[in-house]
Amino acid sequence: MRTEVFQTANIYRHLLKAVKKHIGKEENKRHFLEYVTSEFHKNRNLSDGVAVQQKIKLARDYTFLLNSVHHHKDLLFSYNIAIDRSDEVKRTLGKSAASVGLQLPEQMKSIAKLLLGLNFCMYVIVLGIGAWAMNRAIDHGFIIGPELQLPAHFSPIFFPMGNASTGFFVTISLLAGVVGVASAISGINHIWSWTAESLPSAASIATLAWTLTLLAMGFAWKEIELQIRNARLKTMEAFLIILSVTQLLYIVAIHGAAAYNIYT
């Protein structure tokens, strides 16, 4: 009895392996795997020994058929006999591209995609708050008349909210936000193609956005030190501090994929 169970499990494993390898495990082909699994589960309590052997023989024969048909296609393809091998050719080209560094590995793609989406959302929020602050500064800025004297410790970039660092902080944050959104757009193209050819442009603009983010974060720390700012500016400060880390992680992720491809 134990030998039959081991034999059945072994045949079941080989059949699933053959189906995944030769038919595929994509979503539109998943019903093949589900049918094999359901057939084995449906007959797991079968007590008739003859019927059990017939089912095992059927599974073994089907496994042999799949492997044989695929081997026959390989022979035809090797002798340049016309046959539709587009899927196999695509996989072969993909492996060849990966081996010479043109195709980046998929391990870091999901991480880079998550960080890219997160950074894009935060840069858009930074742009929104920065645009509000800039619009308010333009509408309610300090006007110097012929008889008005500049107040003591007057900031060259005056904003009616916050402190002396706010004007510099908002201006640099708007620049960081614009370049950050541009880096996200370039990053989307890189994630879509995910090749070594699209990496330099995505990495360069992402690095530029990160350096501007670091500069804005420096003014954010100065604004925090001087205090006297509203909730929107505090939110903007928090997002830029977080972006200084997440944007760096995104750069590391896209570069890490290329490094992984070189050293593996």
C-alpha atoms as a PDB file:
ATOM      1  CA  MET A   1       0.000   0.000   0.000  1.00  0.00           C
ATOM      2  CA  ARG A   2       2.788   2.392   0.935  1.00  0.00           C
ATOM      3  CA  THR A   3       4.591   1.570  -2.328  1.00  0.00           C
ATOM      4  CA  GLU A   4       1.475   2.431  -4.357  1.00  0.00           C
ATOM      5  CA  VAL A   5       1.110   5.752  -2.547  1.00  0.00           C
ATOM      6  CA  PHE A   6       4.749   6.615  -3.234  1.00  0.00           C
ATOM      7  CA  GLN A   7       4.370   5.567  -6.883  1.00  0.00           C
ATOM      8  CA  THR A   8       1.222   7.679  -7.306  1.00  0.00           C
ATOM      9  CA  ALA A   9       2.850  10.724  -5.717  1.00  0.00           C
ATOM     10  CA  ASN A  10       5.890  10.323  -7.959  1.00  0.00           C
ATOM     11  CA  ILE A  11       3.774  10.099 -11.120  1.00  0.00           C
ATOM     12  CA  TYR A  12       1.652  13.056  -9.998  1.00  0.00           C
ATOM     13  CA  ARG A  13       4.790  15.171  -9.464  1.00  0.00           C
ATOM     14  CA  HIS A  14       6.238  14.257 -12.867  1.00  0.00           C
ATOM     15  CA  LEU A  15       2.937  14.962 -14.612  1.00  0.00           C
ATOM     16  CA  LEU A  16       2.631  18.414 -13.032  1.00  0.00           C
ATOM     17  CA  LYS A  17       6.222  19.154 -13.976  1.00  0.00           C
ATOM     18  CA  ALA A  18       5.578  18.142 -17.596  1.00  0.00           C
ATOM     19  CA  VAL A  19       2.392  20.240 -17.803  1.00  0.00           C
ATOM     20  CA  LYS A  20       4.153  23.330 -16.361  1.00  0.00           C
ATOM     21  CA  LYS A  21       7.153  22.913 -18.658  1.00  0.00           C
ATOM     22  CA  HIS A  22       5.511  22.034 -21.959  1.00  0.00           C
ATOM     23  CA  ILE A  23       2.026  23.561 -21.727  1.00  0.00           C
ATOM     24  CA  GLY A  24       2.754  26.486 -19.415  1.00  0.00           C
ATOM     25  CA  LYS A  25       1.615  27.857 -16.086  1.00  0.00           C
ATOM     26  CA  GLU A  26       0.273  31.211 -17.263  1.00  0.00           C
ATOM     27  CA  GLU A  27      -3.147  32.343 -16.131  1.00  0.00           C
ATOM     28  CA  ASN A  28      -4.832  31.432 -19.427  1.00  0.00           C
ATOM     29  CA  LYS A  29      -3.392  27.891 -19.217  1.00  0.00           C
ATOM     30  CA  ARG A  30      -3.999  27.292 -15.538  1.00  0.00           C
ATOM     31  CA  HIS A  31      -7.035  25.092 -16.187  1.00  0.00           C
ATOM     32  CA  PHE A  32      -4.719  22.285 -17.364  1.00  0.00           C
ATOM     33  CA  LEU A  33      -3.017  22.167 -13.966  1.00  0.00           C
ATOM     34  CA  GLU A  34      -6.343  22.454 -12.173  1.00  0.00           C
ATOM     35  CA  TYR A  35      -7.767  19.545 -14.171  1.00  0.00           C
ATOM     36  CA  VAL A  36      -4.803  17.273 -13.332  1.00  0.00           C
ATOM     37  CA  THR A  37      -4.995  18.202  -9.649  1.00  0.00           C
ATOM     38  CA  SER A  38      -8.749  17.668  -9.487  1.00  0.00           C
ATOM     39  CA  GLU A  39      -8.487  14.253 -11.164  1.00  0.00           C
ATOM     40  CA  PHE A  40      -5.932  13.026  -8.644  1.00  0.00           C
ATOM     41  CA  HIS A  41      -7.904  14.432  -5.698  1.00  0.00           C
ATOM     42  CA  LYS A  42     -11.151  12.977  -7.011  1.00  0.00           C
ATOM     43  CA  ASN A  43      -9.692   9.464  -7.200  1.00  0.00           C
ATOM     44  CA  ARG A  44      -7.584   9.529  -4.029  1.00  0.00           C
ATOM     45  CA  ASN A  45     -10.067   7.255  -2.164  1.00  0.00           C
ATOM     46  CA  LEU A  46     -10.439   4.785  -5.042  1.00  0.00           C
ATOM     47  CA  SER A  47     -10.345   1.262  -3.582  1.00  0.00           C
ATOM     48  CA  ASP A  48     -10.514  -0.839  -6.775  1.00  0.00           C
ATOM     49  CA  GLY A  49      -6.922  -1.945  -7.467  1.00  0.00           C
ATOM     50  CA  VAL A  50      -7.484  -2.447 -11.184  1.00  0.00           C
ATOM     51  CA  ALA A  51      -9.021   1.021 -11.566  1.00  0.00           C
ATOM     52  CA  VAL A  52      -6.148   2.545  -9.600  1.00  0.00           C
ATOM     53  CA  GLN A  53      -3.588   0.937 -11.905  1.00  0.00           C
ATOM     54  CA  GLN A  54      -5.513   2.134 -14.958  1.00  0.00           C
ATOM     55  CA  LYS A  55      -5.516   5.720 -13.655  1.00  0.00           C
ATOM     56  CA  ILE A  56      -1.791   5.540 -12.856  1.00  0.00           C
ATOM     57  CA  LYS A  57      -1.053   4.146 -16.326  1.00  0.00           C
ATOM     58  CA  LEU A  58      -3.109   6.945 -17.911  1.00  0.00           C
ATOM     59  CA  ALA A  59      -1.183   9.604 -15.992  1.00  0.00           C
ATOM     60  CA  ARG A  60       2.145   7.963 -16.885  1.00  0.00           C
ATOM     61  CA  ASP A  61       1.193   7.722 -20.563  1.00  0.00           C
ATOM     62  CA  TYR A  62       0.100  11.356 -20.675  1.00  0.00           C
ATOM     63  CA  THR A  63       3.388  12.449 -19.093  1.00  0.00           C
ATOM     64  CA  PHE A  64       5.286  10.402 -21.652  1.00  0.00           C
ATOM     65  CA  LEU A  65       3.175  11.919 -24.448  1.00  0.00           C
ATOM     66  CA  LEU A  66       3.905  15.498 -23.355  1.00  0.00           C
ATOM     67  CA  ASN A  67       7.646  14.866 -23.087  1.00  0.00           C
ATOM     68  CA  SER A  68       7.718  13.028 -26.419  1.00  0.00           C
ATOM     69  CA  VAL A  69       5.821  15.712 -28.323  1.00  0.00           C
ATOM     70  CA  HIS A  70       8.107  18.388 -26.948  1.00  0.00           C
ATOM     71  CA  HIS A  71      11.197  16.321 -27.815  1.00  0.00           C
ATOM     72  CA  HIS A  72       9.815  15.827 -31.340  1.00  0.00           C
ATOM     73  CA  LYS A  73       9.389  19.600 -31.717  1.00  0.00           C
ATOM     74  CA  ASP A  74      12.981  20.088 -30.573  1.00  0.00           C
ATOM     75  CA  LEU A  75      14.178  17.672 -33.259  1.00  0.00           C
ATOM     76  CA  LEU A  76      12.150  19.427 -35.974  1.00  0.00           C
ATOM     77  CA  PHE A  77      13.416  22.795 -34.835  1.00  0.00           C
ATOM     78  CA  SER A  78      17.040  21.606 -34.780  1.00  0.00           C
ATOM     79  CA  TYR A  79      16.714  20.442 -38.406  1.00  0.00           C
ATOM     80  CA  ASN A  80      15.179  23.807 -39.415  1.00  0.00           C
ATOM     81  CA  ILE A  81      11.846  22.222 -40.324  1.00  0.00           C
ATOM     82  CA  ALA A  82       9.047  24.800 -40.280  1.00  0.00           C
ATOM     83  CA  ILE A  83       7.194  24.732 -36.984  1.00  0.00           C
ATOM     84  CA  ASP A  84       5.631  27.369 -34.724  1.00  0.00           C
ATOM     85  CA  ARG A  85       8.159  27.808 -31.950  1.00  0.00           C
ATOM     86  CA  SER A  86       7.550  31.480 -31.192  1.00  0.00           C
ATOM     87  CA  ASP A  87       7.192  30.968 -27.428  1.00  0.00           C
ATOM     88  CA  GLU A  88      10.366  28.905 -27.235  1.00  0.00           C
ATOM     89  CA  VAL A  89      12.248  31.433 -29.360  1.00  0.00           C
ATOM     90  CA  LYS A  90      11.118  34.271 -27.090  1.00  0.00           C
ATOM     91  CA  ARG A  91      12.308  32.386 -24.016  1.00  0.00           C
ATOM     92  CA  THR A  92      15.627  31.599 -25.703  1.00  0.00           C
ATOM     93  CA  LEU A  93      16.136  35.217 -26.725  1.00  0.00           C
ATOM     94  CA  GLY A  94      15.248  36.338 -23.203  1.00  0.00           C
ATOM     95  CA  LYS A  95      17.835  33.994 -21.692  1.00  0.00           C
ATOM     96  CA  SER A  96      20.443  35.152 -24.210  1.00  0.00           C
ATOM     97  CA  ALA A  97      19.697  38.812 -23.476  1.00  0.00           C
ATOM     98  CA  ALA A  98      19.957  38.177 -19.738  1.00  0.00           C
ATOM     99  CA  SER A  99      23.269  36.356 -20.135  1.00  0.00           C
ATOM    100  CA  VAL A 100      24.886  39.338 -21.902  1.00  0.00           C
ATOM    101  CA  GLY A 101      23.373  41.936 -19.567  1.00  0.00           C
ATOM    102  CA  LEU A 102      20.666  43.362 -21.850  1.00  0.00           C
ATOM    103  CA  GLN A 103      17.773  41.959 -19.817  1.00  0.00           C
ATOM    104  CA  LEU A 104      17.663  42.735 -16.103  1.00  0.00           C
ATOM    105  CA  PRO A 105      16.613  40.040 -13.612  1.00  0.00           C
ATOM    106  CA  GLU A 106      13.055  40.082 -12.293  1.00  0.00           C
ATOM    107  CA  GLN A 107      14.014  39.790  -8.603  1.00  0.00           C
ATOM    108  CA  MET A 108      14.259  43.570  -7.999  1.00  0.00           C
ATOM    109  CA  LYS A 109      11.514  44.647 -10.390  1.00  0.00           C
ATOM    110  CA  SER A 110       8.630  44.390  -7.906  1.00  0.00           C
ATOM    111  CA  ILE A 111      10.597  46.334  -5.253  1.00  0.00           C
ATOM    112  CA  ALA A 112      11.521  49.059  -7.748  1.00  0.00           C
ATOM    113  CA  LYS A 113       7.899  49.258  -8.923  1.00  0.00           C
ATOM    114  CA  LEU A 114       6.602  49.650  -5.348  1.00  0.00           C
ATOM    115  CA  LEU A 115       9.148  52.348  -4.488  1.00  0.00           C
ATOM    116  CA  LEU A 116       8.478  54.160  -7.763  1.00  0.00           C
ATOM    117  CA  GLY A 117       4.733  54.343  -7.085  1.00  0.00           C
ATOM    118  CA  LEU A 118       5.295  55.444  -3.477  1.00  0.00           C
ATOM    119  CA  ASN A 119       7.771  58.163  -4.471  1.00  0.00           C
ATOM    120  CA  PHE A 120       5.514  59.432  -7.255  1.00  0.00           C
ATOM    121  CA  CYS A 121       2.587  59.874  -4.841  1.00  0.00           C
ATOM    122  CA  MET A 122       4.740  61.690  -2.272  1.00  0.00           C
ATOM    123  CA  TYR A 123       6.310  64.000  -4.876  1.00  0.00           C
ATOM    124  CA  VAL A 124       2.831  64.925  -6.140  1.00  0.00           C
ATOM    125  CA  ILE A 125       1.758  65.777  -2.567  1.00  0.00           C
ATOM    126  CA  VAL A 126       4.923  67.868  -2.095  1.00  0.00           C
ATOM    127  CA  LEU A 127       4.142  69.707  -5.345  1.00  0.00           C
ATOM    128  CA  GLY A 128       0.568  70.345  -4.216  1.00  0.00           C
ATOM    129  CA  ILE A 129       1.540  71.819  -0.832  1.00  0.00           C
ATOM    130  CA  GLY A 130       4.442  73.745  -2.371  1.00  0.00           C
ATOM    131  CA  ALA A 131       2.167  75.249  -5.028  1.00  0.00           C
ATOM    132  CA  TRP A 132      -0.281  76.335  -2.315  1.00  0.00           C
ATOM    133  CA  ALA A 133       2.511  77.977  -0.308  1.00  0.00           C
ATOM    134  CA  MET A 134       3.950  79.722  -3.367  1.00  0.00           C
ATOM    135  CA  ASN A 135       0.520  80.983  -4.452  1.00  0.00           C
ATOM    136  CA  ARG A 136      -0.151  82.337  -0.955  1.00  0.00           C
ATOM    137  CA  ALA A 137       3.241  84.031  -0.870  1.00  0.00           C
ATOM    138  CA  ILE A 138       2.558  85.727  -4.222  1.00  0.00           C
ATOM    139  CA  ASP A 139      -0.923  86.905  -3.166  1.00  0.00           C
ATOM    140  CA  HIS A 140       0.045  88.047   0.356  1.00  0.00           C
ATOM    141  CA  GLY A 141       3.746  88.849  -0.018  1.00  0.00           C
ATOM    142  CA  PHE A 142       5.568  91.763   1.597  1.00  0.00           C
ATOM    143  CA  ILE A 143       5.279  94.985  -0.452  1.00  0.00           C
ATOM    144  CA  ILE A 144       8.017  97.616  -0.039  1.00  0.00           C
ATOM    145  CA  GLY A 145       6.586 101.127  -0.524  1.00  0.00           C
ATOM    146  CA  PRO A 146       8.496 104.403  -0.728  1.00  0.00           C
ATOM    147  CA  GLU A 147       8.025 105.082   2.983  1.00  0.00           C
ATOM    148  CA  LEU A 148       8.260 101.510   4.304  1.00  0.00           C
ATOM    149  CA  GLN A 149      11.354 100.233   6.035  1.00  0.00           C
ATOM    150  CA  LEU A 150      12.514  96.654   5.873  1.00  0.00           C
ATOM    151  CA  PRO A 151      11.936  94.868   9.171  1.00  0.00           C
ATOM    152  CA  ALA A 152      14.847  93.456  11.123  1.00  0.00           C
ATOM    153  CA  HIS A 153      16.035  89.994  10.024  1.00  0.00           C
ATOM    154  CA  PHE A 154      14.029  90.297   6.781  1.00  0.00           C
ATOM    155  CA  SER A 155      14.318  87.166   4.652  1.00  0.00           C
ATOM    156  CA  PRO A 156      15.227  87.723   0.967  1.00  0.00           C
ATOM    157  CA  ILE A 157      12.505  85.203   0.040  1.00  0.00           C
ATOM    158  CA  PHE A 158       9.603  86.316   2.216  1.00  0.00           C
ATOM    159  CA  PHE A 159       6.668  83.993   2.852  1.00  0.00           C
ATOM    160  CA  PRO A 160       3.674  85.077   4.957  1.00  0.00           C
ATOM    161  CA  MET A 161       3.655  81.707   6.742  1.00  0.00           C
ATOM    162  CA  GLY A 162       6.406  79.781   8.479  1.00  0.00           C
ATOM    163  CA  ASN A 163       9.770  81.306   9.332  1.00  0.00           C
ATOM    164  CA  ALA A 164      12.867  82.689   7.614  1.00  0.00           C
ATOM    165  CA  SER A 165      13.733  79.280   6.132  1.00  0.00           C
ATOM    166  CA  THR A 166      10.294  78.670   4.618  1.00  0.00           C
ATOM    167  CA  GLY A 167      10.876  80.560   1.363  1.00  0.00           C
ATOM    168  CA  PHE A 168      14.049  78.639   0.556  1.00  0.00           C
ATOM    169  CA  PHE A 169      12.447  75.389   1.669  1.00  0.00           C
ATOM    170  CA  VAL A 170       9.339  75.758  -0.513  1.00  0.00           C
ATOM    171  CA  THR A 171      11.304  76.887  -3.586  1.00  0.00           C
ATOM    172  CA  ILE A 172      13.773  73.994  -3.483  1.00  0.00           C
ATOM    173  CA  SER A 173      10.946  71.568  -2.637  1.00  0.00           C
ATOM    174  CA  LEU A 174       9.044  72.609  -5.764  1.00  0.00           C
ATOM    175  CA  LEU A 175      12.141  71.955  -7.862  1.00  0.00           C
ATOM    176  CA  ALA A 176      12.625  68.575  -6.158  1.00  0.00           C
ATOM    177  CA  GLY A 177       8.963  67.736  -6.719  1.00  0.00           C
ATOM    178  CA  VAL A 178       9.036  68.567 -10.438  1.00  0.00           C
ATOM    179  CA  VAL A 179      12.241  66.584 -11.044  1.00  0.00           C
ATOM    180  CA  GLY A 180      10.894  63.779  -8.832  1.00  0.00           C
ATOM    181  CA  VAL A 181       7.736  63.456 -10.933  1.00  0.00           C
ATOM    182  CA  ALA A 182       9.882  63.500 -14.074  1.00  0.00           C
ATOM    183  CA  SER A 183      12.051  60.728 -12.604  1.00  0.00           C
ATOM    184  CA  ALA A 184       8.899  58.703 -11.900  1.00  0.00           C
ATOM    185  CA  ILE A 185       7.792  59.063 -15.529  1.00  0.00           C
ATOM    186  CA  SER A 186      11.227  57.966 -16.738  1.00  0.00           C
ATOM    187  CA  GLY A 187      11.129  55.167 -14.166  1.00  0.00           C
ATOM    188  CA  ILE A 188       7.814  53.903 -15.538  1.00  0.00           C
ATOM    189  CA  ASN A 189       9.436  53.536 -18.941  1.00  0.00           C
ATOM    190  CA  HIS A 190      12.371  51.688 -17.368  1.00  0.00           C
ATOM    191  CA  ILE A 191      10.091  49.349 -15.384  1.00  0.00           C
ATOM    192  CA  TRP A 192       8.085  48.669 -18.541  1.00  0.00           C
ATOM    193  CA  SER A 193      11.113  47.724 -20.653  1.00  0.00           C
ATOM    194  CA  TRP A 194      13.350  46.556 -17.754  1.00  0.00           C
ATOM    195  CA  THR A 195      16.510  46.422 -19.844  1.00  0.00           C
ATOM    196  CA  ALA A 196      20.044  47.696 -19.345  1.00  0.00           C
ATOM    197  CA  GLU A 197      19.489  50.195 -22.179  1.00  0.00           C
ATOM    198  CA  SER A 198      16.752  52.079 -20.296  1.00  0.00           C
ATOM    199  CA  LEU A 199      18.646  52.087 -16.974  1.00  0.00           C
ATOM    200  CA  PRO A 200      21.033  55.084 -17.483  1.00  0.00           C
ATOM    201  CA  SER A 201      18.304  57.657 -18.181  1.00  0.00           C
ATOM    202  CA  ALA A 202      16.115  56.443 -15.315  1.00  0.00           C
ATOM    203  CA  ALA A 203      19.043  56.295 -12.874  1.00  0.00           C
ATOM    204  CA  SER A 204      20.467  59.707 -13.801  1.00  0.00           C
ATOM    205  CA  ILE A 205      17.233  61.666 -13.386  1.00  0.00           C
ATOM    206  CA  ALA A 206      16.398  59.699 -10.226  1.00  0.00           C
ATOM    207  CA  THR A 207      19.790  60.677  -8.778  1.00  0.00           C
ATOM    208  CA  LEU A 208      19.186  64.320  -9.693  1.00  0.00           C
ATOM    209  CA  ALA A 209      15.792  64.202  -7.971  1.00  0.00           C
ATOM    210  CA  TRP A 210      17.387  62.628  -4.894  1.00  0.00           C
ATOM    211  CA  THR A 211      20.074  65.327  -4.607  1.00  0.00           C
ATOM    212  CA  LEU A 212      17.432  68.076  -4.844  1.00  0.00           C
ATOM    213  CA  THR A 213      15.387  66.203  -2.254  1.00  0.00           C
ATOM    214  CA  LEU A 214      18.399  66.138   0.084  1.00  0.00           C
ATOM    215  CA  LEU A 215      18.861  69.883  -0.401  1.00  0.00           C
ATOM    216  CA  ALA A 216      15.178  70.516   0.370  1.00  0.00           C
ATOM    217  CA  MET A 217      15.456  68.227   3.392  1.00  0.00           C
ATOM    218  CA  GLY A 218      18.314  70.398   4.698  1.00  0.00           C
ATOM    219  CA  PHE A 219      16.079  73.466   4.564  1.00  0.00           C
ATOM    220  CA  ALA A 220      13.309  71.391   6.158  1.00  0.00           C
ATOM    221  CA  TRP A 221      15.534  70.649   9.170  1.00  0.00           C
ATOM    222  CA  LYS A 222      16.355  74.361   9.428  1.00  0.00           C
ATOM    223  CA  GLU A 223      12.658  75.209   9.296  1.00  0.00           C
ATOM    224  CA  ILE A 224      11.979  72.647  12.024  1.00  0.00           C
ATOM    225  CA  GLU A 225      14.738  74.195  14.140  1.00  0.00           C
ATOM    226  CA  LEU A 226      13.264  77.697  13.791  1.00  0.00           C
ATOM    227  CA  GLN A 227       9.718  76.388  14.516  1.00  0.00           C
ATOM    228  CA  ILE A 228       6.643  78.573  13.818  1.00  0.00           C
ATOM    229  CA  ARG A 229       5.095  76.731  10.852  1.00  0.00           C
ATOM    230  CA  ASN A 230       1.648  75.355  10.071  1.00  0.00           C
ATOM    231  CA  ALA A 231       0.420  71.781   9.593  1.00  0.00           C
ATOM    232  CA  ARG A 232       0.816  71.823   5.799  1.00  0.00           C
ATOM    233  CA  LEU A 233       4.462  72.794   6.024  1.00  0.00           C
ATOM    234  CA  LYS A 234       5.006  70.093   8.654  1.00  0.00           C
ATOM    235  CA  THR A 235       3.461  67.556   6.271  1.00  0.00           C
ATOM    236  CA  MET A 236       5.737  68.755   3.494  1.00  0.00           C
ATOM    237  CA  GLU A 237       8.773  68.422   5.764  1.00  0.00           C
ATOM    238  CA  ALA A 238       7.819  64.876   6.742  1.00  0.00           C
ATOM    239  CA  PHE A 239       7.325  63.760   3.120  1.00  0.00           C
ATOM    240  CA  LEU A 240      10.681  65.186   2.031  1.00  0.00           C
ATOM    241  CA  ILE A 241      12.504  63.484   4.899  1.00  0.00           C
ATOM    242  CA  ILE A 242      10.845  60.177   3.937  1.00  0.00           C
ATOM    243  CA  LEU A 243      11.589  60.772   0.233  1.00  0.00           C
ATOM    244  CA  SER A 244      15.279  61.270   0.958  1.00  0.00           C
ATOM    245  CA  VAL A 245      15.308  57.614   2.058  1.00  0.00           C
ATOM    246  CA  THR A 246      12.814  56.002  -0.341  1.00  0.00           C
ATOM    247  CA  GLN A 247      14.273  57.708  -3.433  1.00  0.00           C
ATOM    248  CA  LEU A 248      17.715  56.399  -2.457  1.00  0.00           C
ATOM    249  CA  LEU A 249      16.253  52.913  -2.022  1.00  0.00           C
ATOM    250  CA  TYR A 250      14.717  53.152  -5.510  1.00  0.00           C
ATOM    251  CA  ILE A 251      18.106  54.086  -7.000  1.00  0.00           C
ATOM    252  CA  VAL A 252      19.728  51.186  -5.151  1.00  0.00           C
ATOM    253  CA  ALA A 253      17.000  48.816  -6.412  1.00  0.00           C
ATOM    254  CA  ILE A 254      17.422  49.647 -10.110  1.00  0.00           C
ATOM    255  CA  HIS A 255      21.216  49.631  -9.833  1.00  0.00           C
ATOM    256  CA  GLY A 256      21.084  46.465  -7.746  1.00  0.00           C
ATOM    257  CA  ALA A 257      19.240  44.659 -10.536  1.00  0.00           C
ATOM    258  CA  ALA A 258      22.050  45.498 -12.958  1.00  0.00           C
ATOM    259  CA  ALA A 259      24.725  44.487 -10.425  1.00  0.00           C
ATOM    260  CA  TYR A 260      22.911  41.203  -9.745  1.00  0.00           C
ATOM    261  CA  ASN A 261      22.844  40.527 -13.478  1.00  0.00           C
ATOM    262  CA  ILE A 262      26.623  41.114 -13.757  1.00  0.00           C
ATOM    263  CA  TYR A 263      27.696  38.930 -10.837  1.00  0.00           C
ATOM    264  CA  THR A 264      25.349  35.984 -11.459  1.00  0.00           C
END
